[in-house]
Amino acid sequence: IGIAKRKAFVDPTADPYAVIELVGDDTGSTDYFPVGKFRFKTLQDTPLPTWDAKTILIGKKEGTKGLRLTILDGNKRSEDELLYCVEIDRSDLPE
C-alpha cells in the first residue's frame, strides 16, 4: 500500500471530495466512458470527512493492477489540493 499525504484533515474550511478508481494498463475505462472511476460528493467546510456511500466499479480484471482512493480539497478559485491518496494492490482486494 502506497500512501501520499499532503495536508491533515484539520482545516475547518476544507471542502473535501473523494475519487475512487481502478488503476492498471487496461482497466476498460476511457475518457469518454470512465467505467472504473467514481467521484463522491463534496462536503462543505468539513475538517474530518466521512462519506456514507456505495458504488460499483466495472473494469477488466486482467488489466487492473489495483484501486486508488484520492481525497482532494475542492477550491473554486484555484486548483484542487491533494489531501490524501492511497493505492491498494489487486491481490489485497476481495475477489
C-alpha atoms as a PDB file:
ATOM      1  CA  ILE A   1       0.000   0.000   0.000  1.00  0.00           C
ATOM      2  CA  GLY A   2       1.426   3.352  -1.039  1.00  0.00           C
ATOM      3  CA  ILE A   3       0.338   6.462   0.838  1.00  0.00           C
ATOM      4  CA  ALA A   4       0.874  10.111  -0.069  1.00  0.00           C
ATOM      5  CA  LYS A   5      -0.335  12.729   2.401  1.00  0.00           C
ATOM      6  CA  ARG A   6      -0.033  16.475   1.785  1.00  0.00           C
ATOM      7  CA  LYS A   7      -2.386  18.095   4.283  1.00  0.00           C
ATOM      8  CA  ALA A   8      -4.004  16.914   7.506  1.00  0.00           C
ATOM      9  CA  PHE A   9      -7.779  16.974   7.828  1.00  0.00           C
ATOM     10  CA  VAL A  10      -7.865  19.769  10.376  1.00  0.00           C
ATOM     11  CA  ASP A  11      -8.674  22.752   8.162  1.00  0.00           C
ATOM     12  CA  PRO A  12     -12.227  23.746   9.177  1.00  0.00           C
ATOM     13  CA  THR A  13     -12.757  25.368   5.770  1.00  0.00           C
ATOM     14  CA  ALA A  14     -11.827  22.264   3.759  1.00  0.00           C
ATOM     15  CA  ASP A  15     -14.298  21.183   1.064  1.00  0.00           C
ATOM     16  CA  PRO A  16     -13.140  17.591   0.550  1.00  0.00           C
ATOM     17  CA  TYR A  17     -14.322  15.124  -2.058  1.00  0.00           C
ATOM     18  CA  ALA A  18     -13.180  11.581  -2.783  1.00  0.00           C
ATOM     19  CA  VAL A  19     -12.404   9.822  -6.070  1.00  0.00           C
ATOM     20  CA  ILE A  20     -12.099   6.045  -6.275  1.00  0.00           C
ATOM     21  CA  GLU A  21     -10.719   4.495  -9.458  1.00  0.00           C
ATOM     22  CA  LEU A  22      -9.233   1.348 -10.903  1.00  0.00           C
ATOM     23  CA  VAL A  23      -5.570   1.583 -11.921  1.00  0.00           C
ATOM     24  CA  GLY A  24      -3.658  -0.504 -14.433  1.00  0.00           C
ATOM     25  CA  ASP A  25      -2.623  -0.831 -18.070  1.00  0.00           C
ATOM     26  CA  ASP A  26      -6.102  -1.651 -19.413  1.00  0.00           C
ATOM     27  CA  THR A  27      -8.957  -1.263 -16.926  1.00  0.00           C
ATOM     28  CA  GLY A  28     -11.536  -0.889 -19.707  1.00  0.00           C
ATOM     29  CA  SER A  29     -12.098   2.775 -18.884  1.00  0.00           C
ATOM     30  CA  THR A  30     -11.821   5.586 -21.437  1.00  0.00           C
ATOM     31  CA  ASP A  31     -12.033   9.389 -21.213  1.00  0.00           C
ATOM     32  CA  TYR A  32     -15.425   9.195 -22.903  1.00  0.00           C
ATOM     33  CA  PHE A  33     -16.734   6.342 -20.739  1.00  0.00           C
ATOM     34  CA  PRO A  34     -14.910   6.224 -17.356  1.00  0.00           C
ATOM     35  CA  VAL A  35     -16.426   2.973 -16.068  1.00  0.00           C
ATOM     36  CA  GLY A  36     -13.764   2.331 -13.440  1.00  0.00           C
ATOM     37  CA  LYS A  37     -13.991   5.692 -11.682  1.00  0.00           C
ATOM     38  CA  PHE A  38     -16.420   7.358  -9.266  1.00  0.00           C
ATOM     39  CA  ARG A  39     -16.413  10.763  -7.570  1.00  0.00           C
ATOM     40  CA  PHE A  40     -18.130  11.103  -4.207  1.00  0.00           C
ATOM     41  CA  LYS A  41     -19.872  14.373  -3.360  1.00  0.00           C
ATOM     42  CA  THR A  42     -18.050  17.391  -1.965  1.00  0.00           C
ATOM     43  CA  LEU A  43     -18.571  18.011   1.749  1.00  0.00           C
ATOM     44  CA  GLN A  44     -18.546  21.746   2.526  1.00  0.00           C
ATOM     45  CA  ASP A  45     -16.459  23.046   5.466  1.00  0.00           C
ATOM     46  CA  THR A  46     -15.622  19.563   6.759  1.00  0.00           C
ATOM     47  CA  PRO A  47     -12.266  19.055   8.525  1.00  0.00           C
ATOM     48  CA  LEU A  48     -12.801  15.303   9.155  1.00  0.00           C
ATOM     49  CA  PRO A  49     -14.829  13.964   6.200  1.00  0.00           C
ATOM     50  CA  THR A  50     -16.896  10.786   6.233  1.00  0.00           C
ATOM     51  CA  TRP A  51     -18.805   9.531   3.204  1.00  0.00           C
ATOM     52  CA  ASP A  52     -21.656   7.112   3.744  1.00  0.00           C
ATOM     53  CA  ALA A  53     -21.957   5.910   0.149  1.00  0.00           C
ATOM     54  CA  LYS A  54     -21.583   2.834  -2.001  1.00  0.00           C
ATOM     55  CA  THR A  55     -20.632   2.380  -5.632  1.00  0.00           C
ATOM     56  CA  ILE A  56     -19.770  -0.362  -8.085  1.00  0.00           C
ATOM     57  CA  LEU A  57     -16.699  -0.098 -10.284  1.00  0.00           C
ATOM     58  CA  ILE A  58     -16.657  -2.054 -13.527  1.00  0.00           C
ATOM     59  CA  GLY A  59     -13.384  -2.926 -15.203  1.00  0.00           C
ATOM     60  CA  LYS A  60     -11.256  -5.555 -16.888  1.00  0.00           C
ATOM     61  CA  LYS A  61      -9.820  -7.907 -14.279  1.00  0.00           C
ATOM     62  CA  GLU A  62      -6.769  -8.794 -16.403  1.00  0.00           C
ATOM     63  CA  GLY A  63      -5.734  -5.158 -16.965  1.00  0.00           C
ATOM     64  CA  THR A  64      -6.413  -3.854 -13.452  1.00  0.00           C
ATOM     65  CA  LYS A  65      -3.486  -3.670 -11.016  1.00  0.00           C
ATOM     66  CA  GLY A  66      -5.396  -2.194  -8.106  1.00  0.00           C
ATOM     67  CA  LEU A  67      -7.562   0.552  -6.706  1.00  0.00           C
ATOM     68  CA  ARG A  68      -6.718   4.197  -5.926  1.00  0.00           C
ATOM     69  CA  LEU A  69      -8.588   6.351  -3.406  1.00  0.00           C
ATOM     70  CA  THR A  70      -7.815  10.063  -3.615  1.00  0.00           C
ATOM     71  CA  ILE A  71      -9.202  12.771  -1.354  1.00  0.00           C
ATOM     72  CA  LEU A  72      -8.943  16.348  -2.546  1.00  0.00           C
ATOM     73  CA  ASP A  73      -9.894  19.756  -1.182  1.00  0.00           C
ATOM     74  CA  GLY A  74     -12.144  21.413  -3.756  1.00  0.00           C
ATOM     75  CA  ASN A  75     -11.235  25.026  -4.495  1.00  0.00           C
ATOM     76  CA  LYS A  76     -13.380  27.339  -6.622  1.00  0.00           C
ATOM     77  CA  ARG A  77     -10.628  29.867  -7.300  1.00  0.00           C
ATOM     78  CA  SER A  78      -7.595  27.607  -7.747  1.00  0.00           C
ATOM     79  CA  GLU A  79      -6.563  24.030  -8.486  1.00  0.00           C
ATOM     80  CA  ASP A  80      -7.929  21.399  -6.087  1.00  0.00           C
ATOM     81  CA  GLU A  81      -5.420  20.381  -3.420  1.00  0.00           C
ATOM     82  CA  LEU A  82      -4.394  16.790  -2.741  1.00  0.00           C
ATOM     83  CA  LEU A  83      -5.177  15.796   0.842  1.00  0.00           C
ATOM     84  CA  TYR A  84      -4.632  12.041   0.751  1.00  0.00           C
ATOM     85  CA  CYS A  85      -4.000   9.259  -1.741  1.00  0.00           C
ATOM     86  CA  VAL A  86      -3.709   5.511  -1.214  1.00  0.00           C
ATOM     87  CA  GLU A  87      -3.315   2.684  -3.731  1.00  0.00           C
ATOM     88  CA  ILE A  88      -4.326  -0.878  -2.910  1.00  0.00           C
ATOM     89  CA  ASP A  89      -2.899  -3.771  -4.912  1.00  0.00           C
ATOM     90  CA  ARG A  90      -5.424  -6.072  -6.594  1.00  0.00           C
ATOM     91  CA  SER A  91      -4.101  -9.026  -4.614  1.00  0.00           C
ATOM     92  CA  ASP A  92      -5.196  -7.255  -1.399  1.00  0.00           C
ATOM     93  CA  LEU A  93      -8.784  -6.802  -2.646  1.00  0.00           C
ATOM     94  CA  PRO A  94     -11.544  -9.402  -2.256  1.00  0.00           C
ATOM     95  CA  GLU A  95     -12.468 -11.347  -5.406  1.00  0.00           C
END
